[in-house]
Amino acid sequence: VAGGAVVVSAIGNDGPTWGTLNNPADMAAVLGVGGLEMNGDVADFSSRGASKPTSRAHDQLLGNYLAGRVKPDVVTFARAIPGLRSASSTLSRAPPAFGLFPSPPDSRASESPAADTFTEGILDEACTVLSGTSVASPAVAATVALLASVVPPSRRARVVNVASVKRAIW
């Protein structure tokens, strides 16, 4: 926003009700990221709603035309995303991720019908599986960085903004 930065933020996991956006993703000048299921449907947990004005000064300068835009701005996969984990994190105490990826036989000690549908937890000593818009946001931030990297530095501040990123992604 200020200084030419494109702010990417998770929209929140309070869906599916309309009006459940979280700050700062509810701001018009922030690229709000929602979550998708693996089948392409918007995830039930993904928040949604309308954007709020960025600031009083912004509204006086540009008018309030940015408020009321439908959010999230972009969505990407946010269910059962594998990633790295630290052995000292609280994720180390999560149950194994049954039903997604093969788990070592010793980690299936408490197997039950519910365990077959579990979509989050530890894959192995170095990996975990998580869901949520905060898991989806880094992929969008990386995409924004890649898009910005093809714009010459002398033009980047004028060309790369939330509106141009949305246009390029769509």
N, C-alpha and C. Protein backbone atom coordinates (compact mmCIF):
# COMPACT_ATOMS: atom_id res chain seq x y z
N VAL A 1 0.85 -1.16 0.00
CA VAL A 1 0.00 0.00 0.00
C VAL A 1 0.90 1.23 0.00
N ALA A 2 1.34 1.71 1.14
CA ALA A 2 2.26 2.84 1.18
C ALA A 2 3.63 2.37 0.71
N GLY A 3 4.32 3.20 -0.05
CA GLY A 3 5.65 2.85 -0.51
C GLY A 3 5.65 1.82 -1.63
N GLY A 4 4.51 1.57 -2.26
CA GLY A 4 4.45 0.65 -3.38
C GLY A 4 4.38 -0.81 -3.02
N ALA A 5 4.18 -1.14 -1.76
CA ALA A 5 4.09 -2.55 -1.34
C ALA A 5 2.72 -3.10 -1.71
N VAL A 6 2.69 -4.35 -2.13
CA VAL A 6 1.44 -5.07 -2.35
C VAL A 6 1.26 -5.98 -1.13
N VAL A 7 0.24 -5.70 -0.35
CA VAL A 7 -0.01 -6.46 0.87
C VAL A 7 -0.92 -7.65 0.54
N VAL A 8 -0.46 -8.84 0.89
CA VAL A 8 -1.22 -10.08 0.69
C VAL A 8 -1.57 -10.60 2.08
N SER A 9 -2.86 -10.89 2.30
CA SER A 9 -3.29 -11.34 3.62
C SER A 9 -4.35 -12.42 3.53
N ALA A 10 -4.28 -13.38 4.44
CA ALA A 10 -5.33 -14.39 4.56
C ALA A 10 -6.63 -13.72 4.93
N ILE A 11 -7.72 -14.16 4.33
CA ILE A 11 -9.02 -13.55 4.54
C ILE A 11 -9.69 -14.04 5.83
N GLY A 12 -9.27 -15.20 6.32
CA GLY A 12 -9.82 -15.74 7.55
C GLY A 12 -10.53 -17.06 7.34
N ASN A 13 -10.76 -17.76 8.43
CA ASN A 13 -11.38 -19.08 8.41
C ASN A 13 -12.70 -19.09 9.17
N ASP A 14 -13.50 -18.04 8.97
CA ASP A 14 -14.75 -17.90 9.70
C ASP A 14 -15.97 -18.08 8.81
N GLY A 15 -15.79 -18.62 7.60
CA GLY A 15 -16.88 -18.82 6.66
C GLY A 15 -17.78 -19.96 7.09
N PRO A 16 -18.80 -20.25 6.34
CA PRO A 16 -19.11 -19.72 5.02
C PRO A 16 -20.04 -18.50 5.03
N THR A 17 -20.32 -17.95 6.17
CA THR A 17 -21.25 -16.82 6.26
C THR A 17 -20.66 -15.57 5.62
N TRP A 18 -21.51 -14.81 4.91
CA TRP A 18 -21.12 -13.54 4.32
C TRP A 18 -20.83 -12.55 5.44
N GLY A 19 -19.80 -11.72 5.27
CA GLY A 19 -19.46 -10.71 6.26
C GLY A 19 -18.51 -11.19 7.33
N THR A 20 -17.76 -12.24 7.04
CA THR A 20 -16.85 -12.82 8.04
C THR A 20 -15.39 -12.48 7.76
N LEU A 21 -15.13 -11.45 6.97
CA LEU A 21 -13.76 -11.07 6.63
C LEU A 21 -12.98 -10.65 7.87
N ASN A 22 -11.67 -10.84 7.80
CA ASN A 22 -10.79 -10.43 8.89
C ASN A 22 -9.81 -9.37 8.40
N ASN A 23 -9.43 -8.51 9.31
CA ASN A 23 -8.49 -7.44 9.03
C ASN A 23 -7.08 -8.02 9.01
N PRO A 24 -6.21 -7.62 8.12
CA PRO A 24 -6.32 -6.54 7.15
C PRO A 24 -6.87 -6.95 5.79
N ALA A 25 -7.22 -8.22 5.59
CA ALA A 25 -7.67 -8.67 4.27
C ALA A 25 -8.99 -8.04 3.86
N ASP A 26 -9.73 -7.45 4.80
CA ASP A 26 -10.99 -6.81 4.45
C ASP A 26 -10.80 -5.42 3.85
N MET A 27 -9.57 -4.93 3.86
CA MET A 27 -9.30 -3.60 3.31
C MET A 27 -9.24 -3.67 1.79
N ALA A 28 -9.75 -2.63 1.14
CA ALA A 28 -9.82 -2.60 -0.31
C ALA A 28 -8.44 -2.65 -0.96
N ALA A 29 -7.42 -2.07 -0.34
CA ALA A 29 -6.09 -2.00 -0.94
C ALA A 29 -5.21 -3.18 -0.56
N VAL A 30 -5.80 -4.22 0.02
CA VAL A 30 -5.06 -5.42 0.40
C VAL A 30 -5.57 -6.58 -0.44
N LEU A 31 -4.66 -7.41 -0.94
CA LEU A 31 -5.04 -8.58 -1.71
C LEU A 31 -5.44 -9.68 -0.72
N GLY A 32 -6.75 -9.90 -0.59
CA GLY A 32 -7.28 -10.89 0.35
C GLY A 32 -7.34 -12.27 -0.26
N VAL A 33 -6.77 -13.27 0.43
CA VAL A 33 -6.67 -14.63 -0.09
C VAL A 33 -7.66 -15.55 0.62
N GLY A 34 -8.50 -16.18 -0.16
CA GLY A 34 -9.44 -17.16 0.35
C GLY A 34 -8.96 -18.57 0.04
N GLY A 35 -9.71 -19.56 0.53
CA GLY A 35 -9.30 -20.95 0.38
C GLY A 35 -10.19 -21.77 -0.53
N LEU A 36 -9.57 -22.70 -1.24
CA LEU A 36 -10.27 -23.65 -2.10
C LEU A 36 -10.10 -25.06 -1.58
N GLU A 37 -11.10 -25.88 -1.82
CA GLU A 37 -10.99 -27.32 -1.63
C GLU A 37 -10.23 -27.88 -2.83
N MET A 38 -9.76 -29.10 -2.73
CA MET A 38 -9.02 -29.71 -3.82
C MET A 38 -9.87 -29.91 -5.08
N ASN A 39 -11.20 -29.93 -4.93
CA ASN A 39 -12.07 -30.09 -6.10
C ASN A 39 -12.39 -28.76 -6.78
N GLY A 40 -11.84 -27.65 -6.25
CA GLY A 40 -12.04 -26.33 -6.85
C GLY A 40 -13.16 -25.52 -6.23
N ASP A 41 -13.93 -26.09 -5.31
CA ASP A 41 -14.98 -25.34 -4.61
C ASP A 41 -14.35 -24.45 -3.55
N VAL A 42 -14.98 -23.31 -3.28
CA VAL A 42 -14.52 -22.47 -2.18
C VAL A 42 -14.72 -23.24 -0.89
N ALA A 43 -13.70 -23.29 -0.06
CA ALA A 43 -13.75 -24.04 1.20
C ALA A 43 -14.79 -23.42 2.13
N ASP A 44 -15.54 -24.27 2.82
CA ASP A 44 -16.55 -23.78 3.76
C ASP A 44 -15.95 -22.86 4.81
N PHE A 45 -14.72 -23.13 5.24
CA PHE A 45 -14.12 -22.32 6.29
C PHE A 45 -13.67 -20.95 5.79
N SER A 46 -13.53 -20.76 4.48
CA SER A 46 -12.99 -19.51 3.93
C SER A 46 -13.97 -18.36 4.17
N SER A 47 -13.48 -17.29 4.78
CA SER A 47 -14.31 -16.12 5.03
C SER A 47 -14.66 -15.44 3.71
N ARG A 48 -15.69 -14.60 3.75
CA ARG A 48 -16.11 -13.87 2.56
C ARG A 48 -16.91 -12.65 2.97
N GLY A 49 -17.03 -11.69 2.06
CA GLY A 49 -17.77 -10.48 2.37
C GLY A 49 -17.38 -9.34 1.46
N ALA A 50 -17.60 -8.11 1.92
CA ALA A 50 -17.30 -6.91 1.15
C ALA A 50 -16.18 -6.12 1.82
N SER A 51 -15.36 -5.47 0.99
CA SER A 51 -14.22 -4.72 1.51
C SER A 51 -14.68 -3.46 2.24
N LYS A 52 -13.79 -2.98 3.11
CA LYS A 52 -14.03 -1.76 3.86
C LYS A 52 -13.16 -0.66 3.27
N PRO A 53 -13.49 0.61 3.53
CA PRO A 53 -12.63 1.70 3.06
C PRO A 53 -11.22 1.54 3.63
N THR A 54 -10.22 1.94 2.86
CA THR A 54 -8.84 1.80 3.30
C THR A 54 -8.53 2.77 4.43
N SER A 55 -8.86 4.03 4.27
CA SER A 55 -8.63 5.02 5.32
C SER A 55 -9.43 6.28 4.96
N ARG A 56 -9.61 7.16 5.94
CA ARG A 56 -10.34 8.40 5.68
C ARG A 56 -9.62 9.23 4.62
N ALA A 57 -8.28 9.34 4.72
CA ALA A 57 -7.50 10.12 3.75
C ALA A 57 -7.63 9.49 2.36
N HIS A 58 -7.57 8.18 2.31
CA HIS A 58 -7.68 7.47 1.03
C HIS A 58 -9.05 7.73 0.40
N ASP A 59 -10.10 7.66 1.21
CA ASP A 59 -11.45 7.89 0.70
C ASP A 59 -11.63 9.33 0.22
N GLN A 60 -11.04 10.30 0.93
CA GLN A 60 -11.15 11.70 0.51
C GLN A 60 -10.42 11.93 -0.80
N LEU A 61 -9.31 11.25 -0.98
CA LEU A 61 -8.52 11.42 -2.19
C LEU A 61 -9.18 10.73 -3.39
N LEU A 62 -9.63 9.50 -3.22
CA LEU A 62 -10.13 8.70 -4.33
C LEU A 62 -11.63 8.49 -4.33
N GLY A 63 -12.30 8.95 -3.30
CA GLY A 63 -13.71 8.61 -3.16
C GLY A 63 -13.79 7.22 -2.56
N ASN A 64 -14.96 6.79 -2.21
CA ASN A 64 -15.13 5.51 -1.53
C ASN A 64 -15.40 4.39 -2.53
N TYR A 65 -14.89 4.52 -3.77
CA TYR A 65 -15.23 3.54 -4.78
C TYR A 65 -14.63 2.15 -4.54
N LEU A 66 -13.60 2.05 -3.72
CA LEU A 66 -13.00 0.74 -3.46
C LEU A 66 -13.74 -0.05 -2.39
N ALA A 67 -14.49 0.63 -1.54
CA ALA A 67 -15.23 -0.08 -0.49
C ALA A 67 -16.40 -0.83 -1.12
N GLY A 68 -16.75 -1.94 -0.53
CA GLY A 68 -17.88 -2.72 -1.01
C GLY A 68 -17.55 -3.73 -2.09
N ARG A 69 -16.27 -3.89 -2.41
CA ARG A 69 -15.86 -4.90 -3.39
C ARG A 69 -15.94 -6.28 -2.75
N VAL A 70 -16.33 -7.27 -3.53
CA VAL A 70 -16.45 -8.63 -3.03
C VAL A 70 -15.07 -9.20 -2.73
N LYS A 71 -14.94 -9.82 -1.59
CA LYS A 71 -13.70 -10.46 -1.17
C LYS A 71 -13.98 -11.93 -0.89
N PRO A 72 -13.10 -12.85 -1.04
CA PRO A 72 -11.68 -12.66 -1.27
C PRO A 72 -11.39 -12.22 -2.71
N ASP A 73 -10.21 -11.62 -2.87
CA ASP A 73 -9.78 -11.18 -4.19
C ASP A 73 -9.32 -12.35 -5.03
N VAL A 74 -8.62 -13.27 -4.43
CA VAL A 74 -8.14 -14.48 -5.10
C VAL A 74 -8.32 -15.66 -4.15
N VAL A 75 -8.40 -16.84 -4.71
CA VAL A 75 -8.47 -18.07 -3.92
C VAL A 75 -7.46 -19.06 -4.47
N THR A 76 -6.97 -19.88 -3.59
CA THR A 76 -6.10 -20.98 -4.00
C THR A 76 -6.29 -22.12 -3.01
N PHE A 77 -5.67 -23.25 -3.31
CA PHE A 77 -5.87 -24.43 -2.48
C PHE A 77 -5.48 -24.17 -1.04
N ALA A 78 -6.35 -24.58 -0.13
CA ALA A 78 -6.14 -24.31 1.29
C ALA A 78 -6.52 -25.48 2.18
N ARG A 79 -6.76 -26.63 1.62
CA ARG A 79 -7.15 -27.80 2.42
C ARG A 79 -6.06 -28.86 2.30
N ALA A 80 -5.58 -29.32 3.44
CA ALA A 80 -4.61 -30.41 3.51
C ALA A 80 -3.36 -30.13 2.69
N ILE A 81 -2.73 -28.99 2.98
CA ILE A 81 -1.53 -28.57 2.27
C ILE A 81 -0.30 -29.07 3.04
N PRO A 82 0.53 -29.89 2.40
CA PRO A 82 1.73 -30.37 3.10
C PRO A 82 2.78 -29.29 3.21
N GLY A 83 3.53 -29.31 4.29
CA GLY A 83 4.60 -28.34 4.49
C GLY A 83 5.58 -28.81 5.55
N LEU A 84 6.61 -28.00 5.75
CA LEU A 84 7.63 -28.32 6.74
C LEU A 84 7.13 -28.00 8.14
N ARG A 85 7.70 -28.67 9.13
CA ARG A 85 7.37 -28.37 10.52
C ARG A 85 8.62 -28.46 11.36
N SER A 86 8.58 -27.78 12.47
CA SER A 86 9.66 -27.81 13.44
C SER A 86 9.29 -28.83 14.53
N ALA A 87 10.24 -29.63 14.91
CA ALA A 87 9.99 -30.64 15.95
C ALA A 87 9.60 -30.01 17.28
N SER A 88 9.96 -28.74 17.50
CA SER A 88 9.64 -28.08 18.76
C SER A 88 8.32 -27.30 18.71
N SER A 89 7.63 -27.32 17.57
CA SER A 89 6.38 -26.55 17.46
C SER A 89 5.22 -27.30 18.11
N THR A 90 4.12 -26.60 18.29
CA THR A 90 2.92 -27.24 18.84
C THR A 90 2.35 -28.25 17.86
N LEU A 91 2.72 -28.15 16.59
CA LEU A 91 2.27 -29.13 15.61
C LEU A 91 2.83 -30.51 15.90
N SER A 92 3.92 -30.56 16.67
CA SER A 92 4.53 -31.84 17.01
C SER A 92 3.60 -32.70 17.86
N ARG A 93 2.60 -32.06 18.48
CA ARG A 93 1.68 -32.80 19.32
C ARG A 93 0.38 -33.15 18.59
N ALA A 94 0.30 -32.79 17.30
CA ALA A 94 -0.90 -33.09 16.52
C ALA A 94 -0.91 -34.56 16.14
N PRO A 95 -2.09 -35.13 15.93
CA PRO A 95 -2.15 -36.54 15.52
C PRO A 95 -1.62 -36.72 14.10
N PRO A 96 -1.28 -37.92 13.73
CA PRO A 96 -0.81 -38.17 12.36
C PRO A 96 -1.89 -37.87 11.33
N ALA A 97 -1.47 -37.55 10.12
CA ALA A 97 -2.40 -37.21 9.04
C ALA A 97 -2.83 -38.47 8.32
N PHE A 98 -3.85 -39.13 8.83
CA PHE A 98 -4.36 -40.36 8.22
C PHE A 98 -5.19 -40.03 6.99
N GLY A 99 -5.18 -40.94 6.03
CA GLY A 99 -6.07 -40.83 4.89
C GLY A 99 -5.56 -39.98 3.76
N LEU A 100 -4.49 -39.20 3.96
CA LEU A 100 -3.97 -38.36 2.89
C LEU A 100 -2.75 -38.96 2.24
N PHE A 101 -1.79 -39.27 3.05
CA PHE A 101 -0.53 -39.79 2.58
C PHE A 101 -0.20 -41.03 3.41
N PRO A 102 0.60 -41.93 2.89
CA PRO A 102 0.95 -43.10 3.69
C PRO A 102 1.67 -42.69 4.97
N SER A 103 1.24 -43.20 6.08
CA SER A 103 1.89 -42.94 7.36
C SER A 103 2.68 -44.17 7.76
N PRO A 104 3.76 -43.97 8.49
CA PRO A 104 4.50 -45.13 8.98
C PRO A 104 3.58 -46.00 9.83
N PRO A 105 3.72 -47.32 9.76
CA PRO A 105 2.82 -48.23 10.50
C PRO A 105 2.75 -47.93 11.99
N ASP A 106 3.85 -47.54 12.63
CA ASP A 106 3.83 -47.29 14.07
C ASP A 106 3.02 -46.05 14.44
N SER A 107 2.77 -45.12 13.51
CA SER A 107 2.01 -43.91 13.82
C SER A 107 0.51 -44.13 13.72
N ARG A 108 0.05 -45.33 13.31
CA ARG A 108 -1.37 -45.62 13.16
C ARG A 108 -1.91 -46.42 14.35
N ALA A 109 -1.30 -46.23 15.51
CA ALA A 109 -1.66 -47.02 16.68
C ALA A 109 -3.12 -46.85 17.08
N SER A 110 -3.68 -45.66 16.92
CA SER A 110 -5.06 -45.42 17.35
C SER A 110 -5.98 -45.27 16.15
N GLU A 111 -5.81 -46.11 15.15
CA GLU A 111 -6.61 -46.01 13.94
C GLU A 111 -8.09 -46.25 14.24
N SER A 112 -8.93 -45.41 13.63
CA SER A 112 -10.37 -45.50 13.80
C SER A 112 -11.02 -45.01 12.51
N PRO A 113 -12.34 -45.20 12.33
CA PRO A 113 -12.98 -44.69 11.12
C PRO A 113 -12.77 -43.19 10.96
N ALA A 114 -12.81 -42.43 12.05
CA ALA A 114 -12.61 -40.99 11.97
C ALA A 114 -11.19 -40.67 11.51
N ALA A 115 -10.23 -41.49 11.89
CA ALA A 115 -8.85 -41.24 11.50
C ALA A 115 -8.65 -41.31 10.00
N ASP A 116 -9.48 -42.09 9.30
CA ASP A 116 -9.34 -42.20 7.85
C ASP A 116 -9.68 -40.91 7.13
N THR A 117 -10.45 -40.02 7.77
CA THR A 117 -10.83 -38.76 7.12
C THR A 117 -10.07 -37.57 7.69
N PHE A 118 -9.14 -37.79 8.60
CA PHE A 118 -8.37 -36.71 9.19
C PHE A 118 -7.52 -36.05 8.12
N THR A 119 -7.53 -34.72 8.05
CA THR A 119 -6.82 -34.04 6.96
C THR A 119 -5.71 -33.13 7.45
N GLU A 120 -5.40 -33.14 8.71
CA GLU A 120 -4.33 -32.31 9.22
C GLU A 120 -3.52 -33.09 10.24
N GLY A 121 -2.26 -32.75 10.36
CA GLY A 121 -1.42 -33.40 11.35
C GLY A 121 -0.04 -33.69 10.81
N ILE A 122 0.65 -34.58 11.46
CA ILE A 122 2.04 -34.87 11.15
C ILE A 122 2.13 -35.93 10.06
N LEU A 123 2.93 -35.66 9.03
CA LEU A 123 3.20 -36.66 8.01
C LEU A 123 4.39 -37.52 8.43
N ASP A 124 5.45 -36.87 8.84
CA ASP A 124 6.63 -37.55 9.35
C ASP A 124 7.38 -36.56 10.23
N GLU A 125 8.61 -36.85 10.60
CA GLU A 125 9.31 -35.98 11.55
C GLU A 125 9.62 -34.59 11.00
N ALA A 126 9.56 -34.40 9.69
CA ALA A 126 9.89 -33.10 9.12
C ALA A 126 8.73 -32.42 8.41
N CYS A 127 7.61 -33.11 8.23
CA CYS A 127 6.50 -32.56 7.44
C CYS A 127 5.18 -32.65 8.19
N THR A 128 4.27 -31.75 7.82
CA THR A 128 2.94 -31.71 8.41
C THR A 128 1.93 -31.37 7.33
N VAL A 129 0.66 -31.43 7.65
CA VAL A 129 -0.41 -31.05 6.74
C VAL A 129 -1.30 -30.07 7.49
N LEU A 130 -1.61 -28.94 6.85
CA LEU A 130 -2.44 -27.92 7.48
C LEU A 130 -3.51 -27.44 6.50
N SER A 131 -4.55 -26.84 7.03
CA SER A 131 -5.61 -26.25 6.22
C SER A 131 -5.88 -24.84 6.72
N GLY A 132 -6.32 -23.97 5.82
CA GLY A 132 -6.69 -22.62 6.19
C GLY A 132 -6.20 -21.59 5.19
N THR A 133 -6.76 -20.39 5.28
CA THR A 133 -6.35 -19.34 4.35
C THR A 133 -4.93 -18.86 4.63
N SER A 134 -4.45 -19.04 5.84
CA SER A 134 -3.05 -18.68 6.14
C SER A 134 -2.08 -19.63 5.46
N VAL A 135 -2.53 -20.82 5.13
CA VAL A 135 -1.70 -21.77 4.40
C VAL A 135 -1.71 -21.42 2.91
N ALA A 136 -2.80 -20.85 2.42
CA ALA A 136 -2.92 -20.48 1.01
C ALA A 136 -2.18 -19.18 0.68
N SER A 137 -2.11 -18.27 1.63
CA SER A 137 -1.55 -16.94 1.37
C SER A 137 -0.10 -16.93 0.89
N PRO A 138 0.79 -17.75 1.43
CA PRO A 138 2.18 -17.72 0.94
C PRO A 138 2.30 -18.04 -0.55
N ALA A 139 1.45 -18.91 -1.08
CA ALA A 139 1.51 -19.22 -2.51
C ALA A 139 1.14 -17.99 -3.33
N VAL A 140 0.17 -17.21 -2.86
CA VAL A 140 -0.23 -15.99 -3.57
C VAL A 140 0.86 -14.93 -3.43
N ALA A 141 1.44 -14.79 -2.25
CA ALA A 141 2.53 -13.82 -2.06
C ALA A 141 3.71 -14.14 -2.98
N ALA A 142 4.03 -15.42 -3.14
CA ALA A 142 5.11 -15.82 -4.03
C ALA A 142 4.77 -15.49 -5.48
N THR A 143 3.52 -15.69 -5.86
CA THR A 143 3.08 -15.36 -7.22
C THR A 143 3.20 -13.87 -7.47
N VAL A 144 2.81 -13.06 -6.50
CA VAL A 144 2.94 -11.60 -6.61
C VAL A 144 4.41 -11.22 -6.79
N ALA A 145 5.28 -11.83 -5.99
CA ALA A 145 6.71 -11.53 -6.09
C ALA A 145 7.26 -11.89 -7.47
N LEU A 146 6.84 -13.05 -8.00
CA LEU A 146 7.29 -13.44 -9.34
C LEU A 146 6.78 -12.48 -10.40
N LEU A 147 5.52 -12.08 -10.30
CA LEU A 147 4.98 -11.10 -11.25
C LEU A 147 5.73 -9.78 -11.17
N ALA A 148 5.99 -9.32 -9.96
CA ALA A 148 6.70 -8.04 -9.77
C ALA A 148 8.13 -8.13 -10.31
N SER A 149 8.73 -9.31 -10.24
CA SER A 149 10.13 -9.44 -10.67
C SER A 149 10.33 -9.25 -12.17
N VAL A 150 9.29 -9.37 -12.97
CA VAL A 150 9.44 -9.17 -14.41
C VAL A 150 9.26 -7.71 -14.82
N VAL A 151 8.85 -6.87 -13.88
CA VAL A 151 8.71 -5.44 -14.14
C VAL A 151 10.04 -4.76 -13.80
N PRO A 152 10.57 -3.96 -14.72
CA PRO A 152 11.84 -3.28 -14.42
C PRO A 152 11.74 -2.48 -13.13
N PRO A 153 12.78 -2.53 -12.28
CA PRO A 153 12.74 -1.82 -10.99
C PRO A 153 12.38 -0.35 -11.11
N SER A 154 12.78 0.31 -12.18
CA SER A 154 12.48 1.73 -12.34
C SER A 154 10.99 1.99 -12.54
N ARG A 155 10.23 0.99 -12.96
CA ARG A 155 8.79 1.14 -13.19
C ARG A 155 7.94 0.41 -12.17
N ARG A 156 8.55 -0.42 -11.34
CA ARG A 156 7.80 -1.31 -10.45
C ARG A 156 6.83 -0.58 -9.53
N ALA A 157 7.26 0.50 -8.89
CA ALA A 157 6.38 1.21 -7.94
C ALA A 157 5.16 1.79 -8.62
N ARG A 158 5.29 2.17 -9.90
CA ARG A 158 4.14 2.74 -10.62
C ARG A 158 3.22 1.67 -11.20
N VAL A 159 3.76 0.51 -11.51
CA VAL A 159 3.01 -0.50 -12.24
C VAL A 159 2.43 -1.59 -11.35
N VAL A 160 3.18 -2.02 -10.34
CA VAL A 160 2.75 -3.14 -9.51
C VAL A 160 1.94 -2.62 -8.31
N ASN A 161 0.65 -2.96 -8.30
CA ASN A 161 -0.24 -2.60 -7.20
C ASN A 161 -1.32 -3.67 -7.11
N VAL A 162 -2.19 -3.57 -6.14
CA VAL A 162 -3.20 -4.60 -5.94
C VAL A 162 -4.06 -4.78 -7.19
N ALA A 163 -4.47 -3.67 -7.82
CA ALA A 163 -5.33 -3.77 -9.01
C ALA A 163 -4.61 -4.47 -10.16
N SER A 164 -3.35 -4.12 -10.41
CA SER A 164 -2.63 -4.75 -11.53
C SER A 164 -2.35 -6.23 -11.24
N VAL A 165 -2.10 -6.56 -9.98
CA VAL A 165 -1.87 -7.96 -9.62
C VAL A 165 -3.15 -8.77 -9.83
N LYS A 166 -4.29 -8.24 -9.39
CA LYS A 166 -5.56 -8.94 -9.59
C LYS A 166 -5.81 -9.18 -11.08
N ARG A 167 -5.55 -8.16 -11.88
CA ARG A 167 -5.76 -8.29 -13.33
C ARG A 167 -4.84 -9.35 -13.93
N ALA A 168 -3.59 -9.38 -13.49
CA ALA A 168 -2.63 -10.34 -14.02
C ALA A 168 -2.97 -11.77 -13.59
N ILE A 169 -3.45 -11.93 -12.36
CA ILE A 169 -3.77 -13.26 -11.85
C ILE A 169 -5.04 -13.80 -12.50
N TRP A 170 -6.01 -12.94 -12.72
CA TRP A 170 -7.26 -13.40 -13.31
C TRP A 170 -7.04 -13.71 -14.76
